[in-house]
Amino acid sequence: DLKKIIALSTLSQLGMMMFSISLGLYELAFFHLLTHALF
């Protein structure tokens, strides 16, 4: 399902943002959130 693939991709990138936060890289997580939202 095309929309499910894109939604699961978003979930994967949210995991990447939480990974960044777990390392203490809060600004990078926010930066990734903004760039990810655009594409």
PDB file of all heavy atoms in Angstrom:
ATOM      1  N   ASP A   1       0.843  -1.182   0.000  1.00  0.00           N
ATOM      2  CA  ASP A   1       0.000   0.000   0.000  1.00  0.00           C
ATOM      3  C   ASP A   1       0.887   1.243   0.000  1.00  0.00           C
ATOM      4  O   ASP A   1       1.714   1.428   0.895  1.00  0.00           O
ATOM      5  CB  ASP A   1      -0.898  -0.014   1.238  1.00  0.00           C
ATOM      6  CG  ASP A   1      -1.937   1.075   1.228  1.00  0.00           C
ATOM      7  OD1 ASP A   1      -1.619   2.201   0.799  1.00  0.00           O
ATOM      8  OD2 ASP A   1      -3.076   0.812   1.662  1.00  0.00           O
ATOM      9  N   LEU A   2       0.733   2.098  -1.005  1.00  0.00           N
ATOM     10  CA  LEU A   2       1.603   3.258  -1.185  1.00  0.00           C
ATOM     11  C   LEU A   2       1.586   4.179   0.024  1.00  0.00           C
ATOM     12  O   LEU A   2       2.644   4.585   0.520  1.00  0.00           O
ATOM     13  CB  LEU A   2       1.187   4.025  -2.446  1.00  0.00           C
ATOM     14  CG  LEU A   2       1.944   5.319  -2.751  1.00  0.00           C
ATOM     15  CD1 LEU A   2       3.410   5.035  -2.992  1.00  0.00           C
ATOM     16  CD2 LEU A   2       1.340   6.008  -3.950  1.00  0.00           C
ATOM     17  N   LYS A   3       0.403   4.501   0.526  1.00  0.00           N
ATOM     18  CA  LYS A   3       0.322   5.417   1.661  1.00  0.00           C
ATOM     19  C   LYS A   3       0.873   4.792   2.940  1.00  0.00           C
ATOM     20  O   LYS A   3       1.468   5.484   3.760  1.00  0.00           O
ATOM     21  CB  LYS A   3      -1.114   5.886   1.869  1.00  0.00           C
ATOM     22  CG  LYS A   3      -1.579   6.837   0.769  1.00  0.00           C
ATOM     23  CD  LYS A   3      -2.829   7.613   1.104  1.00  0.00           C
ATOM     24  CE  LYS A   3      -3.990   6.782   1.492  1.00  0.00           C
ATOM     25  NZ  LYS A   3      -5.240   7.543   1.644  1.00  0.00           N
ATOM     26  N   LYS A   4       0.722   3.490   3.095  1.00  0.00           N
ATOM     27  CA  LYS A   4       1.280   2.820   4.273  1.00  0.00           C
ATOM     28  C   LYS A   4       2.802   2.806   4.222  1.00  0.00           C
ATOM     29  O   LYS A   4       3.466   2.957   5.253  1.00  0.00           O
ATOM     30  CB  LYS A   4       0.746   1.395   4.393  1.00  0.00           C
ATOM     31  CG  LYS A   4      -0.659   1.318   4.908  1.00  0.00           C
ATOM     32  CD  LYS A   4      -1.087  -0.127   5.079  1.00  0.00           C
ATOM     33  CE  LYS A   4      -2.533  -0.205   5.499  1.00  0.00           C
ATOM     34  NZ  LYS A   4      -2.984  -1.601   5.604  1.00  0.00           N
ATOM     35  N   ILE A   5       3.358   2.632   3.040  1.00  0.00           N
ATOM     36  CA  ILE A   5       4.818   2.657   2.907  1.00  0.00           C
ATOM     37  C   ILE A   5       5.358   4.027   3.292  1.00  0.00           C
ATOM     38  O   ILE A   5       6.341   4.147   4.031  1.00  0.00           O
ATOM     39  CB  ILE A   5       5.246   2.276   1.477  1.00  0.00           C
ATOM     40  CG1 ILE A   5       4.921   0.816   1.190  1.00  0.00           C
ATOM     41  CG2 ILE A   5       6.736   2.523   1.274  1.00  0.00           C
ATOM     42  CD1 ILE A   5       5.110   0.426  -0.262  1.00  0.00           C
ATOM     43  N   ILE A   6       4.701   5.074   2.824  1.00  0.00           N
ATOM     44  CA  ILE A   6       5.149   6.424   3.152  1.00  0.00           C
ATOM     45  C   ILE A   6       4.959   6.706   4.647  1.00  0.00           C
ATOM     46  O   ILE A   6       5.807   7.328   5.285  1.00  0.00           O
ATOM     47  CB  ILE A   6       4.426   7.459   2.269  1.00  0.00           C
ATOM     48  CG1 ILE A   6       4.813   7.239   0.797  1.00  0.00           C
ATOM     49  CG2 ILE A   6       4.781   8.873   2.686  1.00  0.00           C
ATOM     50  CD1 ILE A   6       4.047   8.089  -0.172  1.00  0.00           C
ATOM     51  N   ALA A   7       3.858   6.221   5.221  1.00  0.00           N
ATOM     52  CA  ALA A   7       3.631   6.411   6.657  1.00  0.00           C
ATOM     53  C   ALA A   7       4.660   5.635   7.490  1.00  0.00           C
ATOM     54  O   ALA A   7       5.168   6.142   8.497  1.00  0.00           O
ATOM     55  CB  ALA A   7       2.215   5.982   7.017  1.00  0.00           C
ATOM     56  N   LEU A   8       4.980   4.417   7.077  1.00  0.00           N
ATOM     57  CA  LEU A   8       5.996   3.642   7.789  1.00  0.00           C
ATOM     58  C   LEU A   8       7.373   4.286   7.646  1.00  0.00           C
ATOM     59  O   LEU A   8       8.197   4.230   8.564  1.00  0.00           O
ATOM     60  CB  LEU A   8       6.024   2.204   7.284  1.00  0.00           C
ATOM     61  CG  LEU A   8       4.847   1.346   7.739  1.00  0.00           C
ATOM     62  CD1 LEU A   8       4.753   0.085   6.901  1.00  0.00           C
ATOM     63  CD2 LEU A   8       4.967   1.020   9.219  1.00  0.00           C
ATOM     64  N   SER A   9       7.603   4.909   6.517  1.00  0.00           N
ATOM     65  CA  SER A   9       8.834   5.655   6.323  1.00  0.00           C
ATOM     66  C   SER A   9       8.915   6.825   7.301  1.00  0.00           C
ATOM     67  O   SER A   9       9.976   7.118   7.866  1.00  0.00           O
ATOM     68  CB  SER A   9       8.885   6.146   4.879  1.00  0.00           C
ATOM     69  OG  SER A   9       9.763   7.215   4.749  1.00  0.00           O
ATOM     70  N   THR A  10       7.787   7.493   7.510  1.00  0.00           N
ATOM     71  CA  THR A  10       7.738   8.571   8.488  1.00  0.00           C
ATOM     72  C   THR A  10       8.022   8.042   9.887  1.00  0.00           C
ATOM     73  O   THR A  10       8.757   8.667  10.660  1.00  0.00           O
ATOM     74  CB  THR A  10       6.360   9.261   8.444  1.00  0.00           C
ATOM     75  OG1 THR A  10       6.142   9.768   7.144  1.00  0.00           O
ATOM     76  CG2 THR A  10       6.270  10.386   9.448  1.00  0.00           C
ATOM     77  N   LEU A  11       7.455   6.897  10.221  1.00  0.00           N
ATOM     78  CA  LEU A  11       7.703   6.297  11.536  1.00  0.00           C
ATOM     79  C   LEU A  11       9.184   5.964  11.708  1.00  0.00           C
ATOM     80  O   LEU A  11       9.760   6.178  12.778  1.00  0.00           O
ATOM     81  CB  LEU A  11       6.845   5.043  11.702  1.00  0.00           C
ATOM     82  CG  LEU A  11       6.957   4.323  13.034  1.00  0.00           C
ATOM     83  CD1 LEU A  11       6.513   5.229  14.174  1.00  0.00           C
ATOM     84  CD2 LEU A  11       6.139   3.050  13.009  1.00  0.00           C
ATOM     85  N   SER A  12       9.804   5.463  10.660  1.00  0.00           N
ATOM     86  CA  SER A  12      11.228   5.168  10.713  1.00  0.00           C
ATOM     87  C   SER A  12      12.049   6.435  10.962  1.00  0.00           C
ATOM     88  O   SER A  12      12.997   6.441  11.749  1.00  0.00           O
ATOM     89  CB  SER A  12      11.662   4.501   9.409  1.00  0.00           C
ATOM     90  OG  SER A  12      13.049   4.283   9.390  1.00  0.00           O
ATOM     91  N   GLN A  13      11.666   7.525  10.299  1.00  0.00           N
ATOM     92  CA  GLN A  13      12.395   8.781  10.491  1.00  0.00           C
ATOM     93  C   GLN A  13      12.125   9.385  11.868  1.00  0.00           C
ATOM     94  O   GLN A  13      12.996  10.051  12.442  1.00  0.00           O
ATOM     95  CB  GLN A  13      12.032   9.776   9.389  1.00  0.00           C
ATOM     96  CG  GLN A  13      12.449   9.325   8.010  1.00  0.00           C
ATOM     97  CD  GLN A  13      13.924   8.972   7.934  1.00  0.00           C
ATOM     98  OE1 GLN A  13      14.777   9.769   8.288  1.00  0.00           O
ATOM     99  NE2 GLN A  13      14.224   7.766   7.487  1.00  0.00           N
ATOM    100  N   LEU A  14      10.943   9.158  12.419  1.00  0.00           N
ATOM    101  CA  LEU A  14      10.683   9.582  13.801  1.00  0.00           C
ATOM    102  C   LEU A  14      11.568   8.799  14.767  1.00  0.00           C
ATOM    103  O   LEU A  14      12.038   9.341  15.767  1.00  0.00           O
ATOM    104  CB  LEU A  14       9.207   9.402  14.150  1.00  0.00           C
ATOM    105  CG  LEU A  14       8.260  10.405  13.519  1.00  0.00           C
ATOM    106  CD1 LEU A  14       6.821  10.002  13.778  1.00  0.00           C
ATOM    107  CD2 LEU A  14       8.532  11.800  14.029  1.00  0.00           C
ATOM    108  N   GLY A  15      11.801   7.527  14.452  1.00  0.00           N
ATOM    109  CA  GLY A  15      12.749   6.750  15.238  1.00  0.00           C
ATOM    110  C   GLY A  15      14.151   7.327  15.148  1.00  0.00           C
ATOM    111  O   GLY A  15      14.891   7.366  16.136  1.00  0.00           O
ATOM    112  N   MET A  16      14.508   7.814  13.962  1.00  0.00           N
ATOM    113  CA  MET A  16      15.813   8.463  13.782  1.00  0.00           C
ATOM    114  C   MET A  16      15.912   9.729  14.627  1.00  0.00           C
ATOM    115  O   MET A  16      16.956  10.016  15.219  1.00  0.00           O
ATOM    116  CB  MET A  16      16.020   8.782  12.300  1.00  0.00           C
ATOM    117  CG  MET A  16      17.371   9.317  11.964  1.00  0.00           C
ATOM    118  SD  MET A  16      18.606   8.039  12.208  1.00  0.00           S
ATOM    119  CE  MET A  16      19.938   8.689  11.281  1.00  0.00           C
ATOM    120  N   MET A  17      14.827  10.483  14.688  1.00  0.00           N
ATOM    121  CA  MET A  17      14.817  11.699  15.511  1.00  0.00           C
ATOM    122  C   MET A  17      14.932  11.353  16.996  1.00  0.00           C
ATOM    123  O   MET A  17      15.662  12.020  17.742  1.00  0.00           O
ATOM    124  CB  MET A  17      13.546  12.501  15.250  1.00  0.00           C
ATOM    125  CG  MET A  17      13.468  13.088  13.866  1.00  0.00           C
ATOM    126  SD  MET A  17      11.846  13.764  13.558  1.00  0.00           S
ATOM    127  CE  MET A  17      11.672  13.413  11.820  1.00  0.00           C
ATOM    128  N   MET A  18      14.243  10.306  17.432  1.00  0.00           N
ATOM    129  CA  MET A  18      14.339   9.885  18.834  1.00  0.00           C
ATOM    130  C   MET A  18      15.737   9.335  19.137  1.00  0.00           C
ATOM    131  O   MET A  18      16.256   9.521  20.239  1.00  0.00           O
ATOM    132  CB  MET A  18      13.287   8.818  19.152  1.00  0.00           C
ATOM    133  CG  MET A  18      11.873   9.342  19.165  1.00  0.00           C
ATOM    134  SD  MET A  18      11.612  10.566  20.456  1.00  0.00           S
ATOM    135  CE  MET A  18      11.366  12.020  19.489  1.00  0.00           C
ATOM    136  N   PHE A  19      16.329   8.682  18.154  1.00  0.00           N
ATOM    137  CA  PHE A  19      17.703   8.221  18.291  1.00  0.00           C
ATOM    138  C   PHE A  19      18.624   9.406  18.531  1.00  0.00           C
ATOM    139  O   PHE A  19      19.501   9.380  19.401  1.00  0.00           O
ATOM    140  CB  PHE A  19      18.107   7.451  17.029  1.00  0.00           C
ATOM    141  CG  PHE A  19      19.520   6.970  17.013  1.00  0.00           C
ATOM    142  CD1 PHE A  19      19.903   5.875  17.770  1.00  0.00           C
ATOM    143  CD2 PHE A  19      20.475   7.598  16.233  1.00  0.00           C
ATOM    144  CE1 PHE A  19      21.214   5.420  17.754  1.00  0.00           C
ATOM    145  CE2 PHE A  19      21.778   7.159  16.202  1.00  0.00           C
ATOM    146  CZ  PHE A  19      22.153   6.064  16.969  1.00  0.00           C
ATOM    147  N   SER A  20      18.411  10.463  17.773  1.00  0.00           N
ATOM    148  CA  SER A  20      19.203  11.682  17.929  1.00  0.00           C
ATOM    149  C   SER A  20      18.992  12.304  19.309  1.00  0.00           C
ATOM    150  O   SER A  20      19.948  12.737  19.960  1.00  0.00           O
ATOM    151  CB  SER A  20      18.833  12.675  16.825  1.00  0.00           C
ATOM    152  OG  SER A  20      19.507  13.884  16.989  1.00  0.00           O
ATOM    153  N   ILE A  21      17.751  12.324  19.756  1.00  0.00           N
ATOM    154  CA  ILE A  21      17.459  12.872  21.087  1.00  0.00           C
ATOM    155  C   ILE A  21      18.100  12.021  22.173  1.00  0.00           C
ATOM    156  O   ILE A  21      18.614  12.546  23.156  1.00  0.00           O
ATOM    157  CB  ILE A  21      15.936  13.003  21.286  1.00  0.00           C
ATOM    158  CG1 ILE A  21      15.406  14.144  20.425  1.00  0.00           C
ATOM    159  CG2 ILE A  21      15.576  13.227  22.751  1.00  0.00           C
ATOM    160  CD1 ILE A  21      13.905  14.262  20.401  1.00  0.00           C
ATOM    161  N   SER A  22      18.097  10.694  21.989  1.00  0.00           N
ATOM    162  CA  SER A  22      18.696   9.815  22.997  1.00  0.00           C
ATOM    163  C   SER A  22      20.204  10.029  23.118  1.00  0.00           C
ATOM    164  O   SER A  22      20.795   9.736  24.157  1.00  0.00           O
ATOM    165  CB  SER A  22      18.399   8.350  22.688  1.00  0.00           C
ATOM    166  OG  SER A  22      19.111   7.924  21.544  1.00  0.00           O
ATOM    167  N   LEU A  23      20.822  10.552  22.068  1.00  0.00           N
ATOM    168  CA  LEU A  23      22.248  10.873  22.122  1.00  0.00           C
ATOM    169  C   LEU A  23      22.495  12.291  22.620  1.00  0.00           C
ATOM    170  O   LEU A  23      23.638  12.721  22.722  1.00  0.00           O
ATOM    171  CB  LEU A  23      22.879  10.694  20.739  1.00  0.00           C
ATOM    172  CG  LEU A  23      22.872   9.283  20.159  1.00  0.00           C
ATOM    173  CD1 LEU A  23      23.484   9.274  18.775  1.00  0.00           C
ATOM    174  CD2 LEU A  23      23.577   8.314  21.076  1.00  0.00           C
ATOM    175  N   GLY A  24      21.401  13.031  22.893  1.00  0.00           N
ATOM    176  CA  GLY A  24      21.536  14.398  23.377  1.00  0.00           C
ATOM    177  C   GLY A  24      21.661  15.429  22.275  1.00  0.00           C
ATOM    178  O   GLY A  24      22.033  16.573  22.527  1.00  0.00           O
ATOM    179  N   LEU A  25      21.333  15.054  21.063  1.00  0.00           N
ATOM    180  CA  LEU A  25      21.450  15.949  19.910  1.00  0.00           C
ATOM    181  C   LEU A  25      20.079  16.541  19.589  1.00  0.00           C
ATOM    182  O   LEU A  25      19.479  16.265  18.558  1.00  0.00           O
ATOM    183  CB  LEU A  25      22.008  15.179  18.715  1.00  0.00           C
ATOM    184  CG  LEU A  25      23.324  14.442  18.949  1.00  0.00           C
ATOM    185  CD1 LEU A  25      23.651  13.537  17.786  1.00  0.00           C
ATOM    186  CD2 LEU A  25      24.438  15.429  19.205  1.00  0.00           C
ATOM    187  N   TYR A  26      19.591  17.387  20.474  1.00  0.00           N
ATOM    188  CA  TYR A  26      18.238  17.924  20.356  1.00  0.00           C
ATOM    189  C   TYR A  26      18.080  18.820  19.131  1.00  0.00           C
ATOM    190  O   TYR A  26      17.070  18.752  18.434  1.00  0.00           O
ATOM    191  CB  TYR A  26      17.862  18.705  21.619  1.00  0.00           C
ATOM    192  CG  TYR A  26      18.041  17.904  22.877  1.00  0.00           C
ATOM    193  CD1 TYR A  26      19.073  18.186  23.759  1.00  0.00           C
ATOM    194  CD2 TYR A  26      17.185  16.849  23.172  1.00  0.00           C
ATOM    195  CE1 TYR A  26      19.246  17.444  24.906  1.00  0.00           C
ATOM    196  CE2 TYR A  26      17.349  16.093  24.316  1.00  0.00           C
ATOM    197  CZ  TYR A  26      18.384  16.399  25.185  1.00  0.00           C
ATOM    198  OH  TYR A  26      18.550  15.653  26.316  1.00  0.00           O
ATOM    199  N   GLU A  27      19.063  19.659  18.876  1.00  0.00           N
ATOM    200  CA  GLU A  27      18.970  20.581  17.740  1.00  0.00           C
ATOM    201  C   GLU A  27      18.974  19.821  16.412  1.00  0.00           C
ATOM    202  O   GLU A  27      18.264  20.184  15.478  1.00  0.00           O
ATOM    203  CB  GLU A  27      20.112  21.604  17.759  1.00  0.00           C
ATOM    204  CG  GLU A  27      20.050  22.586  18.907  1.00  0.00           C
ATOM    205  CD  GLU A  27      20.699  22.045  20.176  1.00  0.00           C
ATOM    206  OE1 GLU A  27      21.344  20.958  20.108  1.00  0.00           O
ATOM    207  OE2 GLU A  27      20.555  22.680  21.219  1.00  0.00           O
ATOM    208  N   LEU A  28      19.780  18.766  16.343  1.00  0.00           N
ATOM    209  CA  LEU A  28      19.810  17.958  15.115  1.00  0.00           C
ATOM    210  C   LEU A  28      18.501  17.213  14.898  1.00  0.00           C
ATOM    211  O   LEU A  28      18.065  17.035  13.761  1.00  0.00           O
ATOM    212  CB  LEU A  28      20.965  16.966  15.153  1.00  0.00           C
ATOM    213  CG  LEU A  28      22.339  17.537  14.850  1.00  0.00           C
ATOM    214  CD1 LEU A  28      23.385  16.447  14.906  1.00  0.00           C
ATOM    215  CD2 LEU A  28      22.349  18.200  13.496  1.00  0.00           C
ATOM    216  N   ALA A  29      17.875  16.774  15.992  1.00  0.00           N
ATOM    217  CA  ALA A  29      16.576  16.109  15.860  1.00  0.00           C
ATOM    218  C   ALA A  29      15.541  17.082  15.306  1.00  0.00           C
ATOM    219  O   ALA A  29      14.748  16.724  14.429  1.00  0.00           O
ATOM    220  CB  ALA A  29      16.126  15.564  17.213  1.00  0.00           C
ATOM    221  N   PHE A  30      15.561  18.316  15.778  1.00  0.00           N
ATOM    222  CA  PHE A  30      14.625  19.319  15.270  1.00  0.00           C
ATOM    223  C   PHE A  30      14.930  19.665  13.813  1.00  0.00           C
ATOM    224  O   PHE A  30      14.018  19.820  12.998  1.00  0.00           O
ATOM    225  CB  PHE A  30      14.659  20.572  16.147  1.00  0.00           C
ATOM    226  CG  PHE A  30      13.651  21.604  15.752  1.00  0.00           C
ATOM    227  CD1 PHE A  30      12.294  21.362  15.916  1.00  0.00           C
ATOM    228  CD2 PHE A  30      14.054  22.808  15.211  1.00  0.00           C
ATOM    229  CE1 PHE A  30      11.355  22.307  15.547  1.00  0.00           C
ATOM    230  CE2 PHE A  30      13.125  23.757  14.838  1.00  0.00           C
ATOM    231  CZ  PHE A  30      11.769  23.504  15.006  1.00  0.00           C
ATOM    232  N   PHE A  31      16.204  19.776  13.485  1.00  0.00           N
ATOM    233  CA  PHE A  31      16.608  20.051  12.107  1.00  0.00           C
ATOM    234  C   PHE A  31      16.152  18.932  11.178  1.00  0.00           C
ATOM    235  O   PHE A  31      15.643  19.175  10.075  1.00  0.00           O
ATOM    236  CB  PHE A  31      18.124  20.250  12.043  1.00  0.00           C
ATOM    237  CG  PHE A  31      18.663  20.552  10.674  1.00  0.00           C
ATOM    238  CD1 PHE A  31      18.099  21.528   9.882  1.00  0.00           C
ATOM    239  CD2 PHE A  31      19.753  19.854  10.182  1.00  0.00           C
ATOM    240  CE1 PHE A  31      18.596  21.811   8.615  1.00  0.00           C
ATOM    241  CE2 PHE A  31      20.259  20.124   8.929  1.00  0.00           C
ATOM    242  CZ  PHE A  31      19.683  21.097   8.145  1.00  0.00           C
ATOM    243  N   HIS A  32      16.293  17.681  11.628  1.00  0.00           N
ATOM    244  CA  HIS A  32      15.846  16.545  10.830  1.00  0.00           C
ATOM    245  C   HIS A  32      14.323  16.556  10.699  1.00  0.00           C
ATOM    246  O   HIS A  32      13.784  16.200   9.642  1.00  0.00           O
ATOM    247  CB  HIS A  32      16.332  15.231  11.439  1.00  0.00           C
ATOM    248  CG  HIS A  32      16.089  14.044  10.570  1.00  0.00           C
ATOM    249  ND1 HIS A  32      16.614  13.917   9.309  1.00  0.00           N
ATOM    250  CD2 HIS A  32      15.345  12.927  10.767  1.00  0.00           C
ATOM    251  CE1 HIS A  32      16.223  12.769   8.773  1.00  0.00           C
ATOM    252  NE2 HIS A  32      15.447  12.160   9.638  1.00  0.00           N
ATOM    253  N   LEU A  33      13.634  16.962  11.751  1.00  0.00           N
ATOM    254  CA  LEU A  33      12.179  17.074  11.691  1.00  0.00           C
ATOM    255  C   LEU A  33      11.747  18.061  10.611  1.00  0.00           C
ATOM    256  O   LEU A  33      10.843  17.780   9.819  1.00  0.00           O
ATOM    257  CB  LEU A  33      11.623  17.509  13.049  1.00  0.00           C
ATOM    258  CG  LEU A  33      10.125  17.794  13.113  1.00  0.00           C
ATOM    259  CD1 LEU A  33       9.346  16.499  13.072  1.00  0.00           C
ATOM    260  CD2 LEU A  33       9.793  18.587  14.354  1.00  0.00           C
ATOM    261  N   LEU A  34      12.413  19.203  10.545  1.00  0.00           N
ATOM    262  CA  LEU A  34      12.049  20.214   9.555  1.00  0.00           C
ATOM    263  C   LEU A  34      12.352  19.754   8.127  1.00  0.00           C
ATOM    264  O   LEU A  34      11.517  19.882   7.228  1.00  0.00           O
ATOM    265  CB  LEU A  34      12.773  21.523   9.852  1.00  0.00           C
ATOM    266  CG  LEU A  34      12.361  22.234  11.139  1.00  0.00           C
ATOM    267  CD1 LEU A  34      13.200  23.483  11.335  1.00  0.00           C
ATOM    268  CD2 LEU A  34      10.894  22.563  11.143  1.00  0.00           C
ATOM    269  N   THR A  35      13.546  19.233   7.912  1.00  0.00           N
ATOM    270  CA  THR A  35      13.891  18.794   6.560  1.00  0.00           C
ATOM    271  C   THR A  35      13.035  17.605   6.138  1.00  0.00           C
ATOM    272  O   THR A  35      12.590  17.527   4.992  1.00  0.00           O
ATOM    273  CB  THR A  35      15.379  18.425   6.442  1.00  0.00           C
ATOM    274  OG1 THR A  35      15.688  17.407   7.392  1.00  0.00           O
ATOM    275  CG2 THR A  35      16.258  19.632   6.659  1.00  0.00           C
ATOM    276  N   HIS A  36      12.781  16.707   7.087  1.00  0.00           N
ATOM    277  CA  HIS A  36      11.956  15.537   6.784  1.00  0.00           C
ATOM    278  C   HIS A  36      10.527  15.958   6.424  1.00  0.00           C
ATOM    279  O   HIS A  36       9.926  15.391   5.510  1.00  0.00           O
ATOM    280  CB  HIS A  36      11.937  14.583   7.977  1.00  0.00           C
ATOM    281  CG  HIS A  36      11.023  13.426   7.803  1.00  0.00           C
ATOM    282  ND1 HIS A  36      11.328  12.359   6.999  1.00  0.00           N
ATOM    283  CD2 HIS A  36       9.795  13.179   8.296  1.00  0.00           C
ATOM    284  CE1 HIS A  36      10.329  11.502   7.020  1.00  0.00           C
ATOM    285  NE2 HIS A  36       9.386  11.975   7.801  1.00  0.00           N
ATOM    286  N   ALA A  37      10.008  16.955   7.113  1.00  0.00           N
ATOM    287  CA  ALA A  37       8.642  17.411   6.834  1.00  0.00           C
ATOM    288  C   ALA A  37       8.522  17.942   5.413  1.00  0.00           C
ATOM    289  O   ALA A  37       7.497  17.727   4.751  1.00  0.00           O
ATOM    290  CB  ALA A  37       8.243  18.491   7.833  1.00  0.00           C
ATOM    291  N   LEU A  38       9.552  18.603   4.931  1.00  0.00           N
ATOM    292  CA  LEU A  38       9.493  19.170   3.583  1.00  0.00           C
ATOM    293  C   LEU A  38       9.461  18.091   2.505  1.00  0.00           C
ATOM    294  O   LEU A  38       8.599  18.103   1.618  1.00  0.00           O
ATOM    295  CB  LEU A  38      10.677  20.110   3.363  1.00  0.00           C
ATOM    296  CG  LEU A  38      10.649  21.389   4.197  1.00  0.00           C
ATOM    297  CD1 LEU A  38      11.931  22.171   4.004  1.00  0.00           C
ATOM    298  CD2 LEU A  38       9.444  22.229   3.848  1.00  0.00           C
ATOM    299  N   PHE A  39      10.398  17.141   2.556  1.00  0.00           N
ATOM    300  CA  PHE A  39      10.383  16.151   1.483  1.00  0.00           C
ATOM    301  C   PHE A  39       9.312  15.085   1.696  1.00  0.00           C
ATOM    302  O   PHE A  39       8.851  14.469   0.739  1.00  0.00           O
ATOM    303  CB  PHE A  39      11.762  15.541   1.205  1.00  0.00           C
ATOM    304  CG  PHE A  39      12.431  14.840   2.337  1.00  0.00           C
ATOM    305  CD1 PHE A  39      12.078  13.571   2.720  1.00  0.00           C
ATOM    306  CD2 PHE A  39      13.483  15.455   3.007  1.00  0.00           C
ATOM    307  CE1 PHE A  39      12.719  12.913   3.741  1.00  0.00           C
ATOM    308  CE2 PHE A  39      14.143  14.804   4.032  1.00  0.00           C
ATOM    309  CZ  PHE A  39      13.748  13.535   4.401  1.00  0.00           C
TER     310      PHE A  39
END
